[in-house]
C-alpha atoms as a PDB file:
ATOM      1  CA  UNK A   1      -9.904 -50.847 -25.389  1.00  0.00           C
ATOM      2  CA  UNK A   2      -8.909 -47.380 -26.661  1.00  0.00           C
ATOM      3  CA  UNK A   3     -12.197 -47.089 -28.531  1.00  0.00           C
ATOM      4  CA  UNK A   4     -14.157 -48.010 -25.393  1.00  0.00           C
ATOM      5  CA  UNK A   5     -12.256 -45.385 -23.384  1.00  0.00           C
ATOM      6  CA  UNK A   6     -13.090 -42.747 -25.972  1.00  0.00           C
ATOM      7  CA  UNK A   7     -16.752 -43.736 -25.907  1.00  0.00           C
ATOM      8  CA  UNK A   8     -16.786 -43.636 -22.108  1.00  0.00           C
ATOM      9  CA  UNK A   9     -15.156 -40.201 -22.109  1.00  0.00           C
ATOM     10  CA  UNK A  10     -17.752 -38.913 -24.580  1.00  0.00           C
ATOM     11  CA  UNK A  11     -20.600 -40.328 -22.486  1.00  0.00           C
ATOM     12  CA  UNK A  12     -19.154 -38.790 -19.336  1.00  0.00           C
ATOM     13  CA  UNK A  13     -18.798 -35.435 -21.102  1.00  0.00           C
ATOM     14  CA  UNK A  14     -22.429 -35.509 -22.238  1.00  0.00           C
ATOM     15  CA  UNK A  15     -23.609 -36.476 -18.761  1.00  0.00           C
ATOM     16  CA  UNK A  16     -21.551 -33.644 -17.264  1.00  0.00           C
ATOM     17  CA  UNK A  17     -23.055 -31.086 -19.635  1.00  0.00           C
ATOM     18  CA  UNK A  18     -26.566 -32.316 -18.874  1.00  0.00           C
ATOM     19  CA  UNK A  19     -25.925 -32.166 -15.140  1.00  0.00           C
ATOM     20  CA  UNK A  20     -24.658 -28.586 -15.171  1.00  0.00           C
ATOM     21  CA  UNK A  21     -27.080 -27.341 -17.806  1.00  0.00           C
ATOM     22  CA  UNK A  22     -30.454 -25.895 -16.980  1.00  0.00           C
ATOM     23  CA  UNK A  23     -33.824 -25.927 -18.641  1.00  0.00           C
ATOM     24  CA  UNK A  24     -36.483 -23.633 -17.271  1.00  0.00           C
ATOM     25  CA  UNK A  25     -39.596 -21.684 -18.124  1.00  0.00           C
ATOM     26  CA  UNK A  26     -40.495 -18.691 -16.006  1.00  0.00           C
ATOM     27  CA  UNK A  27     -43.218 -16.088 -16.150  1.00  0.00           C
ATOM     28  CA  UNK A  28     -43.199 -12.883 -14.175  1.00  0.00           C
ATOM     29  CA  UNK A  29     -43.729  -9.178 -14.494  1.00  0.00           C
ATOM     30  CA  UNK A  30     -41.064  -6.980 -15.974  1.00  0.00           C
ATOM     31  CA  UNK A  31     -38.678  -5.489 -13.394  1.00  0.00           C
ATOM     32  CA  UNK A  32     -37.152  -2.871 -15.689  1.00  0.00           C
ATOM     33  CA  UNK A  33     -37.937   0.803 -15.634  1.00  0.00           C
ATOM     34  CA  UNK A  34     -39.934   1.127 -18.850  1.00  0.00           C
ATOM     35  CA  UNK A  35     -37.546   0.263 -21.641  1.00  0.00           C
ATOM     36  CA  UNK A  36     -38.203   1.643 -25.108  1.00  0.00           C
ATOM     37  CA  UNK A  37     -39.732  -1.694 -26.116  1.00  0.00           C
ATOM     38  CA  UNK A  38     -42.084  -1.714 -23.113  1.00  0.00           C
ATOM     39  CA  UNK A  39     -43.217   1.820 -23.903  1.00  0.00           C
ATOM     40  CA  UNK A  40     -43.983   0.819 -27.495  1.00  0.00           C
ATOM     41  CA  UNK A  41     -45.812  -2.310 -26.330  1.00  0.00           C
ATOM     42  CA  UNK A  42     -48.092  -0.114 -24.197  1.00  0.00           C
ATOM     43  CA  UNK A  43     -48.704   2.707 -26.658  1.00  0.00           C
ATOM     44  CA  UNK A  44     -49.285   0.465 -29.670  1.00  0.00           C
ATOM     45  CA  UNK A  45     -51.623  -1.803 -27.697  1.00  0.00           C
ATOM     46  CA  UNK A  46     -53.771   1.244 -26.885  1.00  0.00           C
ATOM     47  CA  UNK A  47     -53.751   2.450 -30.496  1.00  0.00           C
ATOM     48  CA  UNK A  48     -54.451  -1.046 -31.810  1.00  0.00           C
ATOM     49  CA  UNK A  49     -57.476  -1.448 -29.530  1.00  0.00           C
ATOM     50  CA  UNK A  50     -59.057   1.667 -31.061  1.00  0.00           C
ATOM     51  CA  UNK A  51     -59.017   0.154 -34.552  1.00  0.00           C
ATOM     52  CA  UNK A  52     -61.007  -2.997 -33.738  1.00  0.00           C
ATOM     53  CA  UNK A  53     -63.883  -3.467 -36.200  1.00  0.00           C
ATOM     54  CA  UNK A  54     -66.441  -4.484 -33.565  1.00  0.00           C
ATOM     55  CA  UNK A  55     -66.555  -0.915 -32.231  1.00  0.00           C
ATOM     56  CA  UNK A  56     -68.995   1.257 -34.153  1.00  0.00           C
ATOM     57  CA  UNK A  57     -69.448   5.012 -34.157  1.00  0.00           C
ATOM     58  CA  UNK A  58     -70.030   6.729 -30.840  1.00  0.00           C
ATOM     59  CA  UNK A  59     -73.680   7.802 -30.305  1.00  0.00           C
ATOM     60  CA  UNK A  60     -73.016  11.538 -30.062  1.00  0.00           C
ATOM     61  CA  UNK A  61     -73.378  14.196 -32.788  1.00  0.00           C
ATOM     62  CA  UNK A  62     -70.454  14.837 -35.160  1.00  0.00           C
ATOM     63  CA  UNK A  63     -68.268  17.772 -34.133  1.00  0.00           C
ATOM     64  CA  UNK A  64     -69.713  17.665 -30.603  1.00  0.00           C
ATOM     65  CA  UNK A  65     -67.674  19.404 -27.910  1.00  0.00           C
ATOM     66  CA  UNK A  66     -66.249  16.820 -25.525  1.00  0.00           C
ATOM     67  CA  UNK A  67     -64.142  16.653 -22.366  1.00  0.00           C
ATOM     68  CA  UNK A  68     -62.007  13.599 -21.579  1.00  0.00           C
ATOM     69  CA  UNK A  69     -61.307  12.161 -18.119  1.00  0.00           C
ATOM     70  CA  UNK A  70     -59.641   8.927 -17.000  1.00  0.00           C
ATOM     71  CA  UNK A  71     -59.596   6.558 -14.016  1.00  0.00           C
ATOM     72  CA  UNK A  72     -58.021   3.211 -13.202  1.00  0.00           C
ATOM     73  CA  UNK A  73     -55.417   1.406 -11.134  1.00  0.00           C
ATOM     74  CA  UNK A  74     -52.542   2.120 -13.525  1.00  0.00           C
ATOM     75  CA  UNK A  75     -50.294   5.144 -13.139  1.00  0.00           C
ATOM     76  CA  UNK A  76     -50.550   5.644 -16.911  1.00  0.00           C
ATOM     77  CA  UNK A  77     -54.223   6.591 -17.040  1.00  0.00           C
ATOM     78  CA  UNK A  78     -53.432  10.084 -18.312  1.00  0.00           C
ATOM     79  CA  UNK A  79     -51.351   8.601 -21.128  1.00  0.00           C
ATOM     80  CA  UNK A  80     -54.314   6.465 -22.203  1.00  0.00           C
ATOM     81  CA  UNK A  81     -56.479   9.595 -22.117  1.00  0.00           C
ATOM     82  CA  UNK A  82     -54.053  11.480 -24.379  1.00  0.00           C
ATOM     83  CA  UNK A  83     -54.018   8.724 -27.014  1.00  0.00           C
ATOM     84  CA  UNK A  84     -57.799   8.279 -26.921  1.00  0.00           C
ATOM     85  CA  UNK A  85     -58.249  12.068 -26.994  1.00  0.00           C
ATOM     86  CA  UNK A  86     -56.169  12.286 -30.178  1.00  0.00           C
ATOM     87  CA  UNK A  87     -58.211   9.469 -31.701  1.00  0.00           C
ATOM     88  CA  UNK A  88     -61.462  11.257 -30.802  1.00  0.00           C
ATOM     89  CA  UNK A  89     -60.123  14.435 -32.412  1.00  0.00           C
ATOM     90  CA  UNK A  90     -59.480  12.474 -35.599  1.00  0.00           C
ATOM     91  CA  UNK A  91     -63.139  11.361 -35.486  1.00  0.00           C
ATOM     92  CA  UNK A  92     -64.161  15.020 -35.765  1.00  0.00           C
ATOM     93  CA  UNK A  93     -64.999  15.735 -32.114  1.00  0.00           C
ATOM     94  CA  UNK A  94     -63.813  18.974 -30.526  1.00  0.00           C
ATOM     95  CA  UNK A  95     -61.837  18.715 -27.279  1.00  0.00           C
ATOM     96  CA  UNK A  96     -62.948  21.318 -24.777  1.00  0.00           C
ATOM     97  CA  UNK A  97     -62.664  22.070 -21.073  1.00  0.00           C
ATOM     98  CA  UNK A  98     -65.375  20.498 -18.877  1.00  0.00           C
ATOM     99  CA  UNK A  99     -67.055  23.899 -18.505  1.00  0.00           C
ATOM    100  CA  UNK A 100     -67.573  24.279 -22.257  1.00  0.00           C
ATOM    101  CA  UNK A 101     -68.123  20.640 -23.243  1.00  0.00           C
ATOM    102  CA  UNK A 102     -71.445  19.106 -24.247  1.00  0.00           C
ATOM    103  CA  UNK A 103     -70.364  15.574 -23.333  1.00  0.00           C
ATOM    104  CA  UNK A 104     -67.808  14.046 -20.996  1.00  0.00           C
ATOM    105  CA  UNK A 105     -66.088  10.863 -22.129  1.00  0.00           C
ATOM    106  CA  UNK A 106     -64.768   9.026 -19.092  1.00  0.00           C
ATOM    107  CA  UNK A 107     -62.130   6.379 -19.864  1.00  0.00           C
ATOM    108  CA  UNK A 108     -61.991   3.569 -17.313  1.00  0.00           C
ATOM    109  CA  UNK A 109     -58.679   1.733 -17.645  1.00  0.00           C
ATOM    110  CA  UNK A 110     -59.142  -1.895 -16.609  1.00  0.00           C
ATOM    111  CA  UNK A 111     -55.570  -2.913 -17.390  1.00  0.00           C
ATOM    112  CA  UNK A 112     -52.413  -1.587 -19.039  1.00  0.00           C
ATOM    113  CA  UNK A 113     -49.162  -3.434 -18.596  1.00  0.00           C
ATOM    114  CA  UNK A 114     -46.528  -5.875 -19.798  1.00  0.00           C
ATOM    115  CA  UNK A 115     -46.175  -9.593 -19.154  1.00  0.00           C
ATOM    116  CA  UNK A 116     -42.772 -11.274 -19.443  1.00  0.00           C
ATOM    117  CA  UNK A 117     -41.820 -14.955 -19.670  1.00  0.00           C
ATOM    118  CA  UNK A 118     -38.584 -16.736 -20.449  1.00  0.00           C
ATOM    119  CA  UNK A 119     -37.637 -20.222 -21.637  1.00  0.00           C
ATOM    120  CA  UNK A 120     -34.000 -21.260 -21.242  1.00  0.00           C
ATOM    121  CA  UNK A 121     -31.996 -24.373 -22.054  1.00  0.00           C
ATOM    122  CA  UNK A 122     -28.262 -24.216 -21.551  1.00  0.00           C
ATOM    123  CA  UNK A 123     -25.636 -23.567 -18.906  1.00  0.00           C
ATOM    124  CA  UNK A 124     -26.445 -20.706 -16.541  1.00  0.00           C
ATOM    125  CA  UNK A 125     -23.701 -18.266 -15.508  1.00  0.00           C
ATOM    126  CA  UNK A 126     -21.455 -19.740 -12.823  1.00  0.00           C
ATOM    127  CA  UNK A 127     -19.455 -17.772 -10.280  1.00  0.00           C
ATOM    128  CA  UNK A 128     -17.370 -19.650  -7.743  1.00  0.00           C
ATOM    129  CA  UNK A 129     -17.004 -18.482  -4.155  1.00  0.00           C
ATOM    130  CA  UNK A 130     -14.030 -20.682  -3.318  1.00  0.00           C
ATOM    131  CA  UNK A 131     -12.464 -20.815  -6.786  1.00  0.00           C
ATOM    132  CA  UNK A 132     -12.267 -17.390  -8.488  1.00  0.00           C
ATOM    133  CA  UNK A 133     -13.575 -18.670 -11.825  1.00  0.00           C
ATOM    134  CA  UNK A 134     -16.700 -17.349 -13.511  1.00  0.00           C
ATOM    135  CA  UNK A 135     -18.331 -18.483 -16.734  1.00  0.00           C
ATOM    136  CA  UNK A 136     -20.928 -16.558 -18.754  1.00  0.00           C
ATOM    137  CA  UNK A 137     -24.359 -17.871 -19.624  1.00  0.00           C
ATOM    138  CA  UNK A 138     -24.248 -20.398 -22.489  1.00  0.00           C
ATOM    139  CA  UNK A 139     -27.623 -20.570 -24.210  1.00  0.00           C
ATOM    140  CA  UNK A 140     -28.364 -23.519 -26.463  1.00  0.00           C
ATOM    141  CA  UNK A 141     -31.892 -22.128 -26.721  1.00  0.00           C
ATOM    142  CA  UNK A 142     -33.387 -19.076 -25.031  1.00  0.00           C
ATOM    143  CA  UNK A 143     -36.566 -17.122 -25.660  1.00  0.00           C
ATOM    144  CA  UNK A 144     -37.612 -13.941 -23.876  1.00  0.00           C
ATOM    145  CA  UNK A 145     -41.203 -12.996 -24.616  1.00  0.00           C
ATOM    146  CA  UNK A 146     -42.958  -9.741 -23.745  1.00  0.00           C
ATOM    147  CA  UNK A 147     -46.650  -9.023 -24.249  1.00  0.00           C
ATOM    148  CA  UNK A 148     -48.206  -5.578 -23.976  1.00  0.00           C
ATOM    149  CA  UNK A 149     -51.873  -5.587 -22.985  1.00  0.00           C
ATOM    150  CA  UNK A 150     -54.465  -2.809 -23.022  1.00  0.00           C
ATOM    151  CA  UNK A 151     -58.064  -3.009 -21.788  1.00  0.00           C
ATOM    152  CA  UNK A 152     -60.365  -0.021 -21.222  1.00  0.00           C
ATOM    153  CA  UNK A 153     -63.872   1.196 -21.995  1.00  0.00           C
ATOM    154  CA  UNK A 154     -65.641   4.512 -22.459  1.00  0.00           C
ATOM    155  CA  UNK A 155     -68.540   5.957 -20.474  1.00  0.00           C
ATOM    156  CA  UNK A 156     -70.218   8.936 -22.160  1.00  0.00           C
ATOM    157  CA  UNK A 157     -72.129  11.409 -19.998  1.00  0.00           C
ATOM    158  CA  UNK A 158     -74.315  14.317 -21.034  1.00  0.00           C
ATOM    159  CA  UNK A 159     -72.518  17.222 -19.420  1.00  0.00           C
ATOM    160  CA  UNK A 160     -75.578  19.408 -18.696  1.00  0.00           C
ATOM    161  CA  UNK A 161     -77.515  16.697 -16.853  1.00  0.00           C
ATOM    162  CA  UNK A 162     -74.763  14.239 -15.842  1.00  0.00           C
ATOM    163  CA  UNK A 163     -76.821  11.438 -17.403  1.00  0.00           C
ATOM    164  CA  UNK A 164     -74.970   8.358 -18.633  1.00  0.00           C
ATOM    165  CA  UNK A 165     -75.983   7.897 -22.267  1.00  0.00           C
ATOM    166  CA  UNK A 166     -73.560   5.183 -23.417  1.00  0.00           C
ATOM    167  CA  UNK A 167     -71.128   2.613 -22.064  1.00  0.00           C
ATOM    168  CA  UNK A 168     -68.885   0.995 -24.665  1.00  0.00           C
ATOM    169  CA  UNK A 169     -67.723  -2.626 -24.820  1.00  0.00           C
ATOM    170  CA  UNK A 170     -64.080  -3.068 -23.789  1.00  0.00           C
ATOM    171  CA  UNK A 171     -61.357  -1.844 -26.111  1.00  0.00           C
ATOM    172  CA  UNK A 172     -58.766  -4.630 -25.890  1.00  0.00           C
ATOM    173  CA  UNK A 173     -55.545  -5.436 -27.755  1.00  0.00           C
ATOM    174  CA  UNK A 174     -52.201  -7.175 -27.336  1.00  0.00           C
ATOM    175  CA  UNK A 175     -48.768  -6.511 -28.797  1.00  0.00           C
ATOM    176  CA  UNK A 176     -45.676  -8.702 -28.520  1.00  0.00           C
ATOM    177  CA  UNK A 177     -41.892  -8.662 -28.757  1.00  0.00           C
ATOM    178  CA  UNK A 178     -39.997 -11.973 -28.658  1.00  0.00           C
ATOM    179  CA  UNK A 179     -36.208 -12.314 -28.495  1.00  0.00           C
ATOM    180  CA  UNK A 180     -34.547 -15.650 -29.398  1.00  0.00           C
ATOM    181  CA  UNK A 181     -31.030 -17.062 -29.005  1.00  0.00           C
ATOM    182  CA  UNK A 182     -29.855 -20.331 -30.621  1.00  0.00           C
ATOM    183  CA  UNK A 183     -26.548 -22.126 -30.147  1.00  0.00           C
ATOM    184  CA  UNK A 184     -24.902 -19.405 -28.062  1.00  0.00           C
ATOM    185  CA  UNK A 185     -24.609 -16.690 -30.732  1.00  0.00           C
ATOM    186  CA  UNK A 186     -27.468 -16.723 -33.247  1.00  0.00           C
ATOM    187  CA  UNK A 187     -30.000 -14.080 -32.237  1.00  0.00           C
ATOM    188  CA  UNK A 188     -33.173 -12.756 -33.814  1.00  0.00           C
ATOM    189  CA  UNK A 189     -36.474 -11.273 -32.743  1.00  0.00           C
ATOM    190  CA  UNK A 190     -40.115 -11.374 -33.802  1.00  0.00           C
ATOM    191  CA  UNK A 191     -42.625  -8.621 -33.099  1.00  0.00           C
ATOM    192  CA  UNK A 192     -45.765  -6.877 -34.324  1.00  0.00           C
ATOM    193  CA  UNK A 193     -44.430  -3.450 -33.282  1.00  0.00           C
ATOM    194  CA  UNK A 194     -44.230  -1.065 -36.224  1.00  0.00           C
ATOM    195  CA  UNK A 195     -40.849   0.516 -35.472  1.00  0.00           C
ATOM    196  CA  UNK A 196     -39.014  -1.405 -32.729  1.00  0.00           C
ATOM    197  CA  UNK A 197     -35.480  -0.358 -31.728  1.00  0.00           C
ATOM    198  CA  UNK A 198     -32.709  -2.303 -33.450  1.00  0.00           C
ATOM    199  CA  UNK A 199     -30.075  -2.310 -30.746  1.00  0.00           C
ATOM    200  CA  UNK A 200     -28.383  -5.447 -32.082  1.00  0.00           C
ATOM    201  CA  UNK A 201     -28.485  -4.669 -35.777  1.00  0.00           C
ATOM    202  CA  UNK A 202     -25.333  -5.401 -37.775  1.00  0.00           C
ATOM    203  CA  UNK A 203     -25.273  -1.899 -39.268  1.00  0.00           C
ATOM    204  CA  UNK A 204     -25.152  -0.339 -35.797  1.00  0.00           C
ATOM    205  CA  UNK A 205     -22.302  -2.616 -34.731  1.00  0.00           C
ATOM    206  CA  UNK A 206     -20.294  -1.676 -37.815  1.00  0.00           C
ATOM    207  CA  UNK A 207     -20.763   2.108 -37.372  1.00  0.00           C
END
């Protein structure tokens, strides 16, 4: 009889945990104000798109004088223009004002942003309205995944005539940063960012 009671208590405990636990997968846009990770996801996606092998040399003379302009729905169009302008300078082109340029390279930004999704299995935080007891979130498994995406193309105009001489295929790239939690306390991340912040590193906690 005692053994049966113990088994029943264990079963009831497991059922209780299952009932109050939660398992969910959500996908939405990031609501934060541009964290350091989000900024790196954007900037490295732009830089990564410029290194794709399918894009050949631009059909304008080496050391040509160019002016750069941008357009798009994102508020970060100028930022894209600065990164692409630096890349063009490294190709040997000379950045000039529109009045002195031979060609105008117009960057049309189709998309620049961050996607966020989360998978959670565990007990969500509980705060009681009648009983003043609150419990923190208990994560048996949790993943928070962010993807940075960049998509733009270049239109090259002859400045003297305004004639469109070239329209590039899209420059596209993705970057990612994934954060994982196992069994309440074991945390690690996976990313293709070159120098992500290490806010949870052991060395920083010890300092």
